[in-house]
Amino acid sequence: MTAHAAAALLVLLPAAACGTGGPPSILDRETLVIGVKPDQPGLGVKVAEGRYEGFDVDVATEVARRIGVPDVRFVTALSSTRQRLIQEGTVDLVVATYSITPENRSKVTFAGPYYVAHQDTLVRAGDRAVGNVRDLKGRRLCKAAGSNSWRRVAEERRIPVELVPASSYGDCLAKLRSGAVDAVSTDDLILAGFAARDGSALRIVNAPFTDERLGIGMRKGDLDGCEAVNRAITAMYQDGTAERLLRRWFGGSGLALTLTVPQFEGCA
């Protein structure tokens, strides 16, 4: 071996010793830290320090168990912070009504979707003038920090609305109840949870206008972890677990629930 070839080999050996060079996988964890929403009834609500409940929480718990990591710890992940929490490694997974979009996929890897929701609109019960999304013209629409739902109204459909910023969807609902905004538009599962909590005070328009693929976010490039989560989601639908959880949290909401395995996006 020439001196030049030996030197080249020495340069290559440390890189090869690093394994695949990919990100740490969720499959290597003994405990999974999972980000969920703290203020979305039916999906994710913080009920005590370190304790959360809702459909997303139950899905996360089931997925963790099925991929062989039964020890989980939940933390708050807002729409405005969930991407950063994943990228910084503060959480291993985010199960928090996280829509699979091209923009989001450029930053994190998504498994799923674990459910395909549909964007709809929530208004005060006495407001009967809104029958579909186009009736929001000239009205005040809540813009939750970190969410893209408002874009599908104001930008994609070019409906002239007045956007009112809010820190979260919980804040949006407070503004809707107080009259500070006229409508909240986002995934129907989110709206159903809030409407169920507020009883007859709020009304879902029931005029869906998009498909919202809700995914499980993880560190970019964890393809093995992503594929394992996809297998877990499939099994949950096939053995009836997904139906049981959906009916538990949304069975009384009036929504037409989808109970078949969603079409996966593919891990990338």
Protein backbone atom coordinates (compact mmCIF):
# COMPACT_ATOMS: atom_id res chain seq x y z
CA MET A 1 0.00 0.00 0.00
CA THR A 2 1.38 3.41 -0.91
CA ALA A 3 1.72 6.16 1.66
CA HIS A 4 -0.95 8.13 -0.19
CA ALA A 5 -3.42 5.22 -0.07
CA ALA A 6 -2.74 4.62 3.61
CA ALA A 7 -3.41 8.26 4.40
CA ALA A 8 -6.68 8.13 2.48
CA LEU A 9 -7.77 5.05 4.45
CA LEU A 10 -7.07 6.77 7.74
CA VAL A 11 -9.34 9.63 6.69
CA LEU A 12 -12.17 7.23 5.83
CA LEU A 13 -12.04 5.04 8.93
CA PRO A 14 -13.47 7.53 11.48
CA ALA A 15 -16.45 8.23 9.23
CA ALA A 16 -17.14 4.53 8.83
CA ALA A 17 -16.96 4.07 12.60
CA CYS A 18 -19.92 6.41 13.02
CA GLY A 19 -22.36 3.79 11.67
CA THR A 20 -24.94 4.90 9.19
CA GLY A 21 -24.44 8.56 9.95
CA GLY A 22 -28.21 8.99 10.35
CA PRO A 23 -29.97 10.68 13.25
CA PRO A 24 -30.64 8.85 16.52
CA SER A 25 -33.72 6.66 16.07
CA ILE A 26 -36.74 6.48 18.33
CA LEU A 27 -36.24 2.70 18.21
CA ASP A 28 -33.08 3.11 20.29
CA ARG A 29 -34.83 4.89 23.15
CA GLU A 30 -35.75 3.34 26.50
CA THR A 31 -38.17 6.21 27.15
CA LEU A 32 -39.93 8.32 24.54
CA VAL A 33 -40.56 12.00 25.20
CA ILE A 34 -43.69 12.88 23.23
CA GLY A 35 -45.04 16.35 22.54
CA VAL A 36 -48.82 16.79 22.66
CA LYS A 37 -51.20 19.73 22.79
CA PRO A 38 -52.19 21.00 26.26
CA ASP A 39 -55.38 22.87 25.35
CA GLN A 40 -57.35 20.99 22.68
CA PRO A 41 -60.30 19.11 24.19
CA GLY A 42 -60.70 15.61 22.80
CA LEU A 43 -57.18 15.64 21.36
CA GLY A 44 -54.73 16.80 24.00
CA VAL A 45 -55.41 18.49 27.33
CA LYS A 46 -53.04 18.93 30.23
CA VAL A 47 -54.87 17.71 33.33
CA ALA A 48 -51.97 17.80 35.82
CA GLU A 49 -48.21 18.21 35.80
CA GLY A 50 -46.91 15.64 33.34
CA ARG A 51 -50.41 14.22 32.72
CA TYR A 52 -52.33 14.72 29.48
CA GLU A 53 -55.42 13.11 27.99
CA GLY A 54 -57.12 12.92 24.60
CA PHE A 55 -57.11 11.05 21.31
CA ASP A 56 -53.58 12.14 20.35
CA VAL A 57 -52.30 11.08 23.76
CA ASP A 58 -53.89 7.64 23.44
CA VAL A 59 -52.55 7.22 19.90
CA ALA A 60 -49.04 8.16 21.07
CA THR A 61 -49.22 5.70 23.97
CA GLU A 62 -50.37 2.88 21.69
CA VAL A 63 -47.72 3.60 19.07
CA ALA A 64 -44.94 3.66 21.66
CA ARG A 65 -46.07 0.33 23.09
CA ARG A 66 -46.30 -1.28 19.67
CA ILE A 67 -42.80 -0.23 18.61
CA GLY A 68 -41.40 -1.67 21.84
CA VAL A 69 -40.96 1.46 23.97
CA PRO A 70 -43.70 1.28 26.62
CA ASP A 71 -42.17 3.99 28.83
CA VAL A 72 -43.38 7.43 27.69
CA ARG A 73 -43.25 10.95 29.06
CA PHE A 74 -45.53 13.68 27.72
CA VAL A 75 -44.68 17.36 27.38
CA THR A 76 -46.45 20.36 25.88
CA ALA A 77 -45.94 21.00 22.15
CA LEU A 78 -47.71 24.06 20.75
CA SER A 79 -48.14 24.66 17.03
CA SER A 80 -45.53 27.40 17.31
CA THR A 81 -42.94 25.23 19.09
CA ARG A 82 -43.37 21.62 17.88
CA GLN A 83 -40.93 21.86 14.95
CA ARG A 84 -38.21 23.38 17.13
CA LEU A 85 -38.76 20.77 19.85
CA ILE A 86 -38.15 18.00 17.31
CA GLN A 87 -35.14 19.64 15.69
CA GLU A 88 -33.47 20.39 19.02
CA GLY A 89 -34.08 16.84 20.26
CA THR A 90 -36.21 18.00 23.19
CA VAL A 91 -38.89 15.52 22.12
CA ASP A 92 -38.67 12.23 20.23
CA LEU A 93 -42.15 12.40 18.71
CA VAL A 94 -44.86 15.00 18.26
CA VAL A 95 -48.48 13.81 18.11
CA ALA A 96 -50.28 17.14 18.14
CA THR A 97 -52.60 17.64 15.13
CA TYR A 98 -49.45 18.16 13.05
CA SER A 99 -50.47 18.44 9.38
CA ILE A 100 -48.28 16.71 6.80
CA THR A 101 -47.50 19.48 4.33
CA PRO A 102 -44.56 19.97 1.92
CA GLU A 103 -43.27 22.82 4.09
CA ASN A 104 -43.44 20.76 7.29
CA ARG A 105 -41.92 17.70 5.60
CA SER A 106 -38.87 19.71 4.63
CA LYS A 107 -38.05 20.14 8.33
CA VAL A 108 -39.13 16.86 10.01
CA THR A 109 -39.94 13.27 9.06
CA PHE A 110 -43.59 12.24 9.31
CA ALA A 111 -45.13 8.85 9.92
CA GLY A 112 -48.75 8.39 9.02
CA PRO A 113 -51.13 10.03 8.68
CA TYR A 114 -52.77 8.47 11.72
CA TYR A 115 -56.00 10.24 10.78
CA VAL A 116 -57.27 12.31 7.85
CA ALA A 117 -59.28 15.21 9.21
CA HIS A 118 -60.99 17.94 7.19
CA GLN A 119 -60.78 21.66 7.67
CA ASP A 120 -64.08 23.19 8.73
CA THR A 121 -65.27 26.34 10.49
CA LEU A 122 -66.50 27.08 14.01
CA VAL A 123 -68.70 30.09 14.80
CA ARG A 124 -70.91 31.25 17.65
CA ALA A 125 -74.18 29.32 17.76
CA GLY A 126 -76.28 32.40 17.07
CA ASP A 127 -74.36 33.27 13.89
CA ARG A 128 -76.41 31.65 11.12
CA ALA A 129 -74.98 33.76 8.29
CA VAL A 130 -71.96 31.46 7.84
CA GLY A 131 -72.87 28.35 5.88
CA ASN A 132 -69.49 27.68 4.25
CA VAL A 133 -65.98 29.05 4.17
CA ARG A 134 -66.79 31.70 1.54
CA ASP A 135 -69.24 33.31 3.94
CA LEU A 136 -66.22 34.42 6.01
CA LYS A 137 -65.64 37.28 3.55
CA GLY A 138 -65.07 40.50 5.49
CA ARG A 139 -65.14 38.70 8.86
CA ARG A 140 -62.50 38.33 11.58
CA LEU A 141 -60.73 34.96 11.38
CA CYS A 142 -58.45 33.73 14.13
CA LYS A 143 -54.80 33.07 13.18
CA ALA A 144 -53.25 30.63 15.65
CA ALA A 145 -49.47 30.92 15.98
CA GLY A 146 -47.61 28.15 14.17
CA SER A 147 -50.67 26.88 12.29
CA ASN A 148 -51.21 26.98 8.52
CA SER A 149 -54.99 26.61 8.62
CA TRP A 150 -55.65 30.32 8.07
CA ARG A 151 -53.63 30.19 4.83
CA ARG A 152 -56.15 27.80 3.28
CA VAL A 153 -58.80 30.47 3.73
CA ALA A 154 -56.94 33.72 3.11
CA GLU A 155 -54.30 32.61 0.58
CA GLU A 156 -55.41 29.43 -1.17
CA ARG A 157 -59.06 30.48 -1.55
CA ARG A 158 -58.30 34.23 -1.54
CA ILE A 159 -61.19 34.99 0.80
CA PRO A 160 -60.73 38.54 2.15
CA VAL A 161 -60.78 38.06 5.91
CA GLU A 162 -59.38 40.11 8.76
CA LEU A 163 -56.78 37.96 10.49
CA VAL A 164 -56.63 38.25 14.27
CA PRO A 165 -53.49 36.68 15.83
CA ALA A 166 -53.72 34.30 18.79
CA SER A 167 -51.14 32.31 20.71
CA SER A 168 -52.96 28.95 20.29
CA TYR A 169 -56.30 27.44 19.36
CA GLY A 170 -57.29 27.64 22.99
CA ASP A 171 -56.71 31.39 22.72
CA CYS A 172 -58.72 31.42 19.47
CA LEU A 173 -61.70 29.83 21.22
CA ALA A 174 -61.53 32.37 24.02
CA LYS A 175 -61.57 35.14 21.42
CA LEU A 176 -64.50 33.52 19.62
CA ARG A 177 -66.54 33.25 22.81
CA SER A 178 -65.78 36.87 23.74
CA GLY A 179 -66.59 38.23 20.29
CA ALA A 180 -63.02 39.28 19.45
CA VAL A 181 -63.14 37.06 16.34
CA ASP A 182 -66.03 35.80 14.24
CA ALA A 183 -64.70 32.37 13.29
CA VAL A 184 -62.06 29.72 13.84
CA SER A 185 -61.17 27.45 10.94
CA THR A 186 -59.01 24.34 11.31
CA ASP A 187 -59.18 20.52 11.51
CA ASP A 188 -62.67 19.28 12.28
CA LEU A 189 -61.39 17.05 15.12
CA ILE A 190 -60.05 20.15 16.87
CA LEU A 191 -63.32 22.00 16.35
CA ALA A 192 -65.39 19.00 17.48
CA GLY A 193 -63.49 18.82 20.76
CA PHE A 194 -64.04 22.49 21.50
CA ALA A 195 -67.69 22.42 20.43
CA ALA A 196 -68.36 19.42 22.67
CA ARG A 197 -66.78 21.21 25.62
CA ASP A 198 -68.69 24.45 25.06
CA GLY A 199 -72.05 22.79 24.51
CA SER A 200 -74.61 24.90 22.65
CA ALA A 201 -72.51 28.09 22.67
CA LEU A 202 -70.61 27.20 19.47
CA ARG A 203 -71.55 25.64 16.14
CA ILE A 204 -69.54 23.67 13.59
CA VAL A 205 -70.58 24.81 10.12
CA ASN A 206 -70.18 21.23 8.78
CA ALA A 207 -68.91 22.36 5.39
CA PRO A 208 -65.45 20.74 5.09
CA PHE A 209 -63.17 22.04 2.34
CA THR A 210 -59.80 20.27 2.70
CA ASP A 211 -58.18 17.00 3.67
CA GLU A 212 -55.86 17.42 6.65
CA ARG A 213 -53.40 14.53 6.98
CA LEU A 214 -52.39 14.41 10.65
CA GLY A 215 -48.93 12.92 11.05
CA ILE A 216 -46.53 11.88 13.78
CA GLY A 217 -43.44 14.07 13.58
CA MET A 218 -39.92 12.93 14.42
CA ARG A 219 -36.31 13.91 13.76
CA LYS A 220 -35.57 14.35 10.06
CA GLY A 221 -34.15 11.19 8.54
CA ASP A 222 -35.29 8.62 11.12
CA LEU A 223 -36.67 6.33 8.43
CA ASP A 224 -36.49 3.13 10.49
CA GLY A 225 -38.48 4.78 13.26
CA CYS A 226 -40.97 6.18 10.77
CA GLU A 227 -41.59 2.80 9.16
CA ALA A 228 -42.06 1.16 12.56
CA VAL A 229 -44.63 3.79 13.52
CA ASN A 230 -46.46 3.25 10.23
CA ARG A 231 -46.71 -0.48 10.98
CA ALA A 232 -48.07 0.35 14.43
CA ILE A 233 -50.71 2.70 12.99
CA THR A 234 -51.79 0.07 10.46
CA ALA A 235 -52.17 -2.52 13.21
CA MET A 236 -54.24 -0.11 15.31
CA TYR A 237 -56.77 0.26 12.50
CA GLN A 238 -56.80 -3.42 11.63
CA ASP A 239 -57.44 -4.66 15.17
CA GLY A 240 -60.10 -2.05 16.00
CA THR A 241 -58.03 0.05 18.42
CA ALA A 242 -58.23 3.17 16.27
CA GLU A 243 -62.02 2.89 15.98
CA ARG A 244 -62.36 2.43 19.73
CA LEU A 245 -60.28 5.53 20.44
CA LEU A 246 -62.06 7.65 17.83
CA ARG A 247 -65.47 6.72 19.18
CA ARG A 248 -64.32 7.31 22.75
CA TRP A 249 -63.30 10.90 22.09
CA PHE A 250 -65.53 11.99 19.17
CA GLY A 251 -68.42 9.53 19.01
CA GLY A 252 -70.88 12.07 20.40
CA SER A 253 -69.71 15.00 18.29
CA GLY A 254 -71.79 14.32 15.20
CA LEU A 255 -68.74 13.99 12.96
CA ALA A 256 -68.66 11.24 10.35
CA LEU A 257 -65.55 9.42 11.50
CA THR A 258 -63.19 7.65 9.08
CA LEU A 259 -62.40 4.18 10.40
CA THR A 260 -60.26 2.73 7.60
CA VAL A 261 -56.45 2.78 7.45
CA PRO A 262 -55.30 6.14 6.04
CA GLN A 263 -53.17 6.16 2.90
CA PHE A 264 -49.61 6.73 4.12
CA GLU A 265 -47.41 9.45 2.68
CA GLY A 266 -44.21 7.39 2.75
CA CYS A 267 -41.21 8.06 4.98
CA ALA A 268 -38.71 10.66 3.73
